PDB file of N, CA and C in Angstrom:
ATOM      1  N   UNK A   1       8.121 -11.008  -2.349  1.00  0.00           N
ATOM      2  CA  UNK A   1       6.696 -10.157  -2.248  1.00  0.00           C
ATOM      3  C   UNK A   1       6.983  -9.796  -0.778  1.00  0.00           C
ATOM      4  N   UNK A   2       6.714  -8.452  -0.618  1.00  0.00           N
ATOM      5  CA  UNK A   2       6.501  -8.043   0.938  1.00  0.00           C
ATOM      6  C   UNK A   2       5.424  -8.647   1.375  1.00  0.00           C
ATOM      7  N   UNK A   3       5.594  -9.117   2.728  1.00  0.00           N
ATOM      8  CA  UNK A   3       4.234  -9.582   3.542  1.00  0.00           C
ATOM      9  C   UNK A   3       3.546  -8.648   4.111  1.00  0.00           C
ATOM     10  N   UNK A   4       2.706  -8.009   3.671  1.00  0.00           N
ATOM     11  CA  UNK A   4       1.971  -6.797   4.329  1.00  0.00           C
ATOM     12  C   UNK A   4       1.233  -7.047   5.663  1.00  0.00           C
ATOM     13  N   UNK A   5       0.767  -8.221   5.650  1.00  0.00           N
ATOM     14  CA  UNK A   5      -0.050  -8.610   6.822  1.00  0.00           C
ATOM     15  C   UNK A   5       0.786  -9.335   8.023  1.00  0.00           C
ATOM     16  N   UNK A   6       1.990  -9.804   7.987  1.00  0.00           N
ATOM     17  CA  UNK A   6       2.568 -10.541   9.064  1.00  0.00           C
ATOM     18  C   UNK A   6       3.838  -9.591   9.767  1.00  0.00           C
ATOM     19  N   UNK A   7       3.694  -8.338   9.379  1.00  0.00           N
ATOM     20  CA  UNK A   7       4.826  -7.564  10.090  1.00  0.00           C
ATOM     21  C   UNK A   7       4.644  -7.263  11.361  1.00  0.00           C
ATOM     22  N   UNK A   8       3.449  -7.542  12.075  1.00  0.00           N
ATOM     23  CA  UNK A   8       3.152  -7.446  13.363  1.00  0.00           C
ATOM     24  C   UNK A   8       2.665  -5.916  13.566  1.00  0.00           C
ATOM     25  N   UNK A   9       2.361  -5.012  12.633  1.00  0.00           N
ATOM     26  CA  UNK A   9       1.822  -3.818  12.755  1.00  0.00           C
ATOM     27  C   UNK A   9       0.559  -3.702  12.000  1.00  0.00           C
ATOM     28  N   UNK A  10      -0.201  -2.760  12.251  1.00  0.00           N
ATOM     29  CA  UNK A  10      -1.476  -2.498  11.575  1.00  0.00           C
ATOM     30  C   UNK A  10      -1.334  -1.461  10.562  1.00  0.00           C
ATOM     31  N   UNK A  11      -1.390  -2.039   9.112  1.00  0.00           N
ATOM     32  CA  UNK A  11      -1.080  -0.966   7.938  1.00  0.00           C
ATOM     33  C   UNK A  11      -2.372  -0.485   7.750  1.00  0.00           C
ATOM     34  N   UNK A  12      -3.224  -0.339   8.407  1.00  0.00           N
ATOM     35  CA  UNK A  12      -4.680   0.285   8.242  1.00  0.00           C
ATOM     36  C   UNK A  12      -5.057   0.952   9.385  1.00  0.00           C
ATOM     37  N   UNK A  13      -3.899   1.480  10.249  1.00  0.00           N
ATOM     38  CA  UNK A  13      -4.368   2.080  11.373  1.00  0.00           C
ATOM     39  C   UNK A  13      -4.989   3.508  11.419  1.00  0.00           C
ATOM     40  N   UNK A  14      -4.905   4.079  10.191  1.00  0.00           N
ATOM     41  CA  UNK A  14      -5.727   5.325   9.993  1.00  0.00           C
ATOM     42  C   UNK A  14      -7.077   4.941   9.660  1.00  0.00           C
ATOM     43  N   UNK A  15      -7.559   3.773   9.350  1.00  0.00           N
ATOM     44  CA  UNK A  15      -8.948   3.363   9.159  1.00  0.00           C
ATOM     45  C   UNK A  15      -9.516   2.610  10.161  1.00  0.00           C
ATOM     46  N   UNK A  16      -8.924   1.579  10.972  1.00  0.00           N
ATOM     47  CA  UNK A  16      -9.383   0.843  11.935  1.00  0.00           C
ATOM     48  C   UNK A  16      -8.436   0.663  12.970  1.00  0.00           C
ATOM     49  N   UNK A  17      -8.922   0.475  14.200  1.00  0.00           N
ATOM     50  CA  UNK A  17      -7.874   0.341  15.504  1.00  0.00           C
ATOM     51  C   UNK A  17      -7.201  -1.143  15.418  1.00  0.00           C
ATOM     52  N   UNK A  18      -6.068  -1.308  16.035  1.00  0.00           N
ATOM     53  CA  UNK A  18      -5.232  -2.350  15.990  1.00  0.00           C
ATOM     54  C   UNK A  18      -5.903  -3.830  16.466  1.00  0.00           C
ATOM     55  N   UNK A  19      -6.928  -3.611  17.485  1.00  0.00           N
ATOM     56  CA  UNK A  19      -7.670  -4.807  17.857  1.00  0.00           C
ATOM     57  C   UNK A  19      -8.355  -5.437  16.860  1.00  0.00           C
ATOM     58  N   UNK A  20      -9.151  -4.463  16.077  1.00  0.00           N
ATOM     59  CA  UNK A  20     -10.059  -4.985  14.957  1.00  0.00           C
ATOM     60  C   UNK A  20      -9.204  -5.488  14.211  1.00  0.00           C
ATOM     61  N   UNK A  21      -8.107  -4.861  13.508  1.00  0.00           N
ATOM     62  CA  UNK A  21      -7.269  -5.349  12.393  1.00  0.00           C
ATOM     63  C   UNK A  21      -6.955  -6.628  12.624  1.00  0.00           C
ATOM     64  N   UNK A  22      -6.066  -6.902  13.839  1.00  0.00           N
ATOM     65  CA  UNK A  22      -5.566  -8.247  14.189  1.00  0.00           C
ATOM     66  C   UNK A  22      -6.779  -9.294  14.133  1.00  0.00           C
ATOM     67  N   UNK A  23      -7.982  -9.137  14.715  1.00  0.00           N
ATOM     68  CA  UNK A  23      -8.928  -9.959  14.790  1.00  0.00           C
ATOM     69  C   UNK A  23      -9.309 -10.282  13.345  1.00  0.00           C
ATOM     70  N   UNK A  24      -9.605  -9.418  12.422  1.00  0.00           N
ATOM     71  CA  UNK A  24      -9.831  -9.575  11.144  1.00  0.00           C
ATOM     72  C   UNK A  24      -8.827 -10.495  10.518  1.00  0.00           C
ATOM     73  N   UNK A  25      -7.611  -9.934  10.749  1.00  0.00           N
ATOM     74  CA  UNK A  25      -6.619 -10.552  10.094  1.00  0.00           C
ATOM     75  C   UNK A  25      -6.261 -12.065  10.495  1.00  0.00           C
ATOM     76  N   UNK A  26      -6.469 -12.440  11.807  1.00  0.00           N
ATOM     77  CA  UNK A  26      -6.284 -13.776  12.373  1.00  0.00           C
ATOM     78  C   UNK A  26      -7.285 -14.539  11.517  1.00  0.00           C
ATOM     79  N   UNK A  27      -8.326 -14.121  11.044  1.00  0.00           N
ATOM     80  CA  UNK A  27      -9.566 -14.918  10.539  1.00  0.00           C
ATOM     81  C   UNK A  27      -9.091 -14.982   8.727  1.00  0.00           C
ATOM     82  N   UNK A  28      -8.053 -14.319   8.689  1.00  0.00           N
ATOM     83  CA  UNK A  28      -7.598 -14.176   6.931  1.00  0.00           C
ATOM     84  C   UNK A  28      -8.534 -13.504   6.306  1.00  0.00           C
ATOM     85  N   UNK A  29      -9.139 -12.597   6.676  1.00  0.00           N
ATOM     86  CA  UNK A  29     -10.134 -11.486   5.998  1.00  0.00           C
ATOM     87  C   UNK A  29      -9.902 -10.366   5.078  1.00  0.00           C
ATOM     88  N   UNK A  30      -8.219 -10.370   5.146  1.00  0.00           N
ATOM     89  CA  UNK A  30      -7.690  -9.257   4.480  1.00  0.00           C
ATOM     90  C   UNK A  30      -6.883  -9.804   3.048  1.00  0.00           C
ATOM     91  N   UNK A  31      -7.242  -9.196   1.942  1.00  0.00           N
ATOM     92  CA  UNK A  31      -6.414  -9.312   0.827  1.00  0.00           C
ATOM     93  C   UNK A  31      -5.068  -8.508   0.817  1.00  0.00           C
ATOM     94  N   UNK A  32      -3.923  -9.450   0.737  1.00  0.00           N
ATOM     95  CA  UNK A  32      -2.517  -8.865   0.846  1.00  0.00           C
ATOM     96  C   UNK A  32      -2.437  -7.712  -0.117  1.00  0.00           C
ATOM     97  N   UNK A  33      -2.962  -8.080  -1.445  1.00  0.00           N
ATOM     98  CA  UNK A  33      -2.507  -7.159  -2.519  1.00  0.00           C
ATOM     99  C   UNK A  33      -3.498  -5.830  -2.201  1.00  0.00           C
ATOM    100  N   UNK A  34      -4.569  -5.913  -1.859  1.00  0.00           N
ATOM    101  CA  UNK A  34      -5.244  -4.780  -1.366  1.00  0.00           C
ATOM    102  C   UNK A  34      -4.693  -3.964  -0.519  1.00  0.00           C
ATOM    103  N   UNK A  35      -4.111  -4.390   0.639  1.00  0.00           N
ATOM    104  CA  UNK A  35      -3.201  -3.887   1.641  1.00  0.00           C
ATOM    105  C   UNK A  35      -2.182  -3.027   1.043  1.00  0.00           C
ATOM    106  N   UNK A  36      -1.340  -3.816   0.177  1.00  0.00           N
ATOM    107  CA  UNK A  36      -0.109  -3.354  -0.480  1.00  0.00           C
ATOM    108  C   UNK A  36      -0.481  -2.205  -1.268  1.00  0.00           C
ATOM    109  N   UNK A  37      -1.575  -2.303  -2.027  1.00  0.00           N
ATOM    110  CA  UNK A  37      -2.211  -1.162  -2.905  1.00  0.00           C
ATOM    111  C   UNK A  37      -2.428  -0.026  -2.276  1.00  0.00           C
ATOM    112  N   UNK A  38      -3.231  -0.145  -1.180  1.00  0.00           N
ATOM    113  CA  UNK A  38      -3.748   0.941  -0.182  1.00  0.00           C
ATOM    114  C   UNK A  38      -2.454   1.657   0.166  1.00  0.00           C
ATOM    115  N   UNK A  39      -1.376   0.989   0.541  1.00  0.00           N
ATOM    116  CA  UNK A  39      -0.169   1.542   1.207  1.00  0.00           C
ATOM    117  C   UNK A  39       0.599   2.139   0.058  1.00  0.00           C
ATOM    118  N   UNK A  40       0.498   1.790  -1.192  1.00  0.00           N
ATOM    119  CA  UNK A  40       1.198   2.452  -2.189  1.00  0.00           C
ATOM    120  C   UNK A  40       0.506   3.773  -2.387  1.00  0.00           C
ATOM    121  N   UNK A  41      -0.833   3.838  -2.654  1.00  0.00           N
ATOM    122  CA  UNK A  41      -1.571   4.924  -2.800  1.00  0.00           C
ATOM    123  C   UNK A  41      -1.301   6.028  -1.932  1.00  0.00           C
ATOM    124  N   UNK A  42      -1.227   5.558  -0.504  1.00  0.00           N
ATOM    125  CA  UNK A  42      -1.086   6.576   0.613  1.00  0.00           C
ATOM    126  C   UNK A  42       0.153   7.102   0.506  1.00  0.00           C
ATOM    127  N   UNK A  43       1.401   6.352   0.253  1.00  0.00           N
ATOM    128  CA  UNK A  43       2.653   6.828   0.064  1.00  0.00           C
ATOM    129  C   UNK A  43       2.794   7.697  -1.080  1.00  0.00           C
ATOM    130  N   UNK A  44       2.237   7.316  -2.317  1.00  0.00           N
ATOM    131  CA  UNK A  44       2.303   8.289  -3.051  1.00  0.00           C
ATOM    132  C   UNK A  44       1.689   9.757  -3.288  1.00  0.00           C
ATOM    133  N   UNK A  45       0.665   9.546  -2.543  1.00  0.00           N
ATOM    134  CA  UNK A  45      -0.030  10.994  -2.144  1.00  0.00           C
ATOM    135  C   UNK A  45       0.860  11.962  -1.067  1.00  0.00           C
ATOM    136  N   UNK A  46       1.469  11.274  -0.298  1.00  0.00           N
ATOM    137  CA  UNK A  46       2.308  11.781   0.534  1.00  0.00           C
ATOM    138  C   UNK A  46       3.599  12.378  -0.297  1.00  0.00           C
ATOM    139  N   UNK A  47       4.193  11.428  -0.996  1.00  0.00           N
ATOM    140  CA  UNK A  47       5.380  11.958  -1.744  1.00  0.00           C
ATOM    141  C   UNK A  47       5.044  12.995  -2.902  1.00  0.00           C
ATOM    142  N   UNK A  48       3.950  13.090  -3.455  1.00  0.00           N
ATOM    143  CA  UNK A  48       3.585  14.099  -4.385  1.00  0.00           C
ATOM    144  C   UNK A  48       3.606  15.559  -3.767  1.00  0.00           C
ATOM    145  N   UNK A  49       3.786  15.719  -2.491  1.00  0.00           N
ATOM    146  CA  UNK A  49       3.845  16.939  -1.991  1.00  0.00           C
ATOM    147  C   UNK A  49       5.263  17.454  -2.261  1.00  0.00           C
ATOM    148  N   UNK A  50       6.251  16.689  -2.493  1.00  0.00           N
ATOM    149  CA  UNK A  50       7.529  16.967  -2.480  1.00  0.00           C
ATOM    150  C   UNK A  50       8.138  16.820  -3.879  1.00  0.00           C
ATOM    151  N   UNK A  51       7.474  15.899  -4.825  1.00  0.00           N
ATOM    152  CA  UNK A  51       8.354  15.568  -5.976  1.00  0.00           C
ATOM    153  C   UNK A  51       7.391  15.202  -7.132  1.00  0.00           C
ATOM    154  N   UNK A  52       7.768  14.984  -8.195  1.00  0.00           N
ATOM    155  CA  UNK A  52       6.986  14.868  -9.407  1.00  0.00           C
ATOM    156  C   UNK A  52       6.326  13.423  -9.215  1.00  0.00           C
ATOM    157  N   UNK A  53       5.333  13.036 -10.171  1.00  0.00           N
ATOM    158  CA  UNK A  53       4.649  11.750 -10.032  1.00  0.00           C
ATOM    159  C   UNK A  53       5.743  10.601 -10.485  1.00  0.00           C
ATOM    160  N   UNK A  54       6.258  11.000 -11.452  1.00  0.00           N
ATOM    161  CA  UNK A  54       7.483   9.829 -11.887  1.00  0.00           C
ATOM    162  C   UNK A  54       8.383   9.641 -10.899  1.00  0.00           C
ATOM    163  N   UNK A  55       8.796  10.638 -10.215  1.00  0.00           N
ATOM    164  CA  UNK A  55      10.010  10.301  -9.376  1.00  0.00           C
ATOM    165  C   UNK A  55       9.350   9.584  -8.031  1.00  0.00           C
ATOM    166  N   UNK A  56       7.988   9.926  -7.618  1.00  0.00           N
ATOM    167  CA  UNK A  56       7.547   9.199  -6.396  1.00  0.00           C
ATOM    168  C   UNK A  56       7.168   7.708  -6.869  1.00  0.00           C
ATOM    169  N   UNK A  57       6.805   7.419  -8.122  1.00  0.00           N
ATOM    170  CA  UNK A  57       6.724   6.061  -8.651  1.00  0.00           C
ATOM    171  C   UNK A  57       7.911   5.328  -8.586  1.00  0.00           C
ATOM    172  N   UNK A  58       9.058   6.054  -8.995  1.00  0.00           N
ATOM    173  CA  UNK A  58      10.405   5.441  -9.013  1.00  0.00           C
ATOM    174  C   UNK A  58      10.808   4.996  -7.626  1.00  0.00           C
ATOM    175  N   UNK A  59      10.555   5.851  -6.480  1.00  0.00           N
ATOM    176  CA  UNK A  59      10.745   5.679  -5.406  1.00  0.00           C
ATOM    177  C   UNK A  59       9.969   4.422  -4.533  1.00  0.00           C
ATOM    178  N   UNK A  60       8.757   4.301  -5.136  1.00  0.00           N
ATOM    179  CA  UNK A  60       7.976   3.350  -4.641  1.00  0.00           C
ATOM    180  C   UNK A  60       8.583   2.069  -5.308  1.00  0.00           C
ATOM    181  N   UNK A  61       8.805   2.013  -6.480  1.00  0.00           N
ATOM    182  CA  UNK A  61       9.276   0.869  -7.140  1.00  0.00           C
ATOM    183  C   UNK A  61      10.604   0.479  -6.436  1.00  0.00           C
ATOM    184  N   UNK A  62      11.441   1.361  -5.799  1.00  0.00           N
ATOM    185  CA  UNK A  62      12.433   0.813  -4.975  1.00  0.00           C
ATOM    186  C   UNK A  62      12.101   0.039  -3.950  1.00  0.00           C
ATOM    187  N   UNK A  63      10.913   0.268  -3.247  1.00  0.00           N
ATOM    188  CA  UNK A  63      10.362  -0.484  -2.120  1.00  0.00           C
ATOM    189  C   UNK A  63       9.752  -1.757  -2.612  1.00  0.00           C
ATOM    190  N   UNK A  64       9.217  -1.765  -3.692  1.00  0.00           N
ATOM    191  CA  UNK A  64       8.484  -2.947  -4.417  1.00  0.00           C
ATOM    192  C   UNK A  64       8.981  -3.190  -5.760  1.00  0.00           C
ATOM    193  N   UNK A  65      10.343  -3.728  -5.653  1.00  0.00           N
ATOM    194  CA  UNK A  65      11.161  -3.980  -7.060  1.00  0.00           C
ATOM    195  C   UNK A  65      10.573  -4.872  -7.890  1.00  0.00           C
ATOM    196  N   UNK A  66       9.508  -5.674  -7.308  1.00  0.00           N
ATOM    197  CA  UNK A  66       8.835  -6.638  -8.424  1.00  0.00           C
ATOM    198  C   UNK A  66       7.662  -5.970  -9.147  1.00  0.00           C
ATOM    199  N   UNK A  67       7.438  -4.791  -9.047  1.00  0.00           N
ATOM    200  CA  UNK A  67       6.225  -4.160  -9.730  1.00  0.00           C
ATOM    201  C   UNK A  67       7.060  -3.185 -10.742  1.00  0.00           C
ATOM    202  N   UNK A  68       6.326  -3.339 -11.901  1.00  0.00           N
ATOM    203  CA  UNK A  68       6.851  -2.338 -13.001  1.00  0.00           C
ATOM    204  C   UNK A  68       6.226  -1.065 -12.839  1.00  0.00           C
ATOM    205  N   UNK A  69       7.042  -0.047 -13.514  1.00  0.00           N
ATOM    206  CA  UNK A  69       6.617   1.188 -13.488  1.00  0.00           C
ATOM    207  C   UNK A  69       4.879   1.418 -13.860  1.00  0.00           C
ATOM    208  N   UNK A  70       4.585   0.913 -15.034  1.00  0.00           N
ATOM    209  CA  UNK A  70       2.981   0.842 -15.281  1.00  0.00           C
ATOM    210  C   UNK A  70       2.325   0.322 -14.258  1.00  0.00           C
ATOM    211  N   UNK A  71       2.555  -0.706 -13.612  1.00  0.00           N
ATOM    212  CA  UNK A  71       1.818  -1.388 -12.512  1.00  0.00           C
ATOM    213  C   UNK A  71       1.494  -0.430 -11.233  1.00  0.00           C
ATOM    214  N   UNK A  72       2.688   0.363 -10.843  1.00  0.00           N
ATOM    215  CA  UNK A  72       2.615   1.316  -9.707  1.00  0.00           C
ATOM    216  C   UNK A  72       1.836   2.612 -10.353  1.00  0.00           C
ATOM    217  N   UNK A  73       1.829   2.931 -11.597  1.00  0.00           N
ATOM    218  CA  UNK A  73       1.077   3.899 -12.103  1.00  0.00           C
ATOM    219  C   UNK A  73      -0.557   3.553 -11.935  1.00  0.00           C
ATOM    220  N   UNK A  74      -0.783   2.268 -12.342  1.00  0.00           N
ATOM    221  CA  UNK A  74      -2.093   1.932 -12.403  1.00  0.00           C
ATOM    222  C   UNK A  74      -2.783   1.833 -10.930  1.00  0.00           C
ATOM    223  N   UNK A  75      -1.809   1.359 -10.123  1.00  0.00           N
ATOM    224  CA  UNK A  75      -2.208   1.222  -8.890  1.00  0.00           C
ATOM    225  C   UNK A  75      -2.503   2.703  -8.061  1.00  0.00           C
ATOM    226  N   UNK A  76      -1.675   3.742  -8.207  1.00  0.00           N
ATOM    227  CA  UNK A  76      -1.798   5.048  -7.795  1.00  0.00           C
ATOM    228  C   UNK A  76      -2.991   5.812  -8.420  1.00  0.00           C
ATOM    229  N   UNK A  77      -3.269   5.629  -9.667  1.00  0.00           N
ATOM    230  CA  UNK A  77      -4.368   6.375 -10.263  1.00  0.00           C
ATOM    231  C   UNK A  77      -5.600   5.582 -10.541  1.00  0.00           C
ATOM    232  N   UNK A  78      -5.698   4.444  -9.661  1.00  0.00           N
ATOM    233  CA  UNK A  78      -6.781   3.599  -9.907  1.00  0.00           C
ATOM    234  C   UNK A  78      -8.035   4.276  -9.135  1.00  0.00           C
ATOM    235  N   UNK A  79      -9.350   4.291  -9.861  1.00  0.00           N
ATOM    236  CA  UNK A  79     -10.411   5.074  -9.287  1.00  0.00           C
ATOM    237  C   UNK A  79     -11.158   3.898  -8.466  1.00  0.00           C
ATOM    238  N   UNK A  80     -11.209   4.086  -7.264  1.00  0.00           N
ATOM    239  CA  UNK A  80     -12.191   3.091  -6.634  1.00  0.00           C
ATOM    240  C   UNK A  80     -13.788   3.051  -6.894  1.00  0.00           C
ATOM    241  N   UNK A  81     -14.311   1.836  -7.067  1.00  0.00           N
ATOM    242  CA  UNK A  81     -15.494   2.070  -7.683  1.00  0.00           C
ATOM    243  C   UNK A  81     -16.595   1.817  -6.489  1.00  0.00           C
TER     244      UNK A  81
END
């Protein structure tokens, strides 16, 4: 599994600044799965400008090979409550 929170970069920099991210992360206040899913949704939206949904999901699966096609599809079409 990709380790979304230990890479030394802020995967949420479009939402919060680095200092806040690293302080919250230091106290284990993030869900790695939630960060991964957020990044996947962001990538999908960007890729859809240039390719079909199926192709975008296939490209994402190349980056996250442990995820099934249907799993990625559920992530990218998930409605936030």
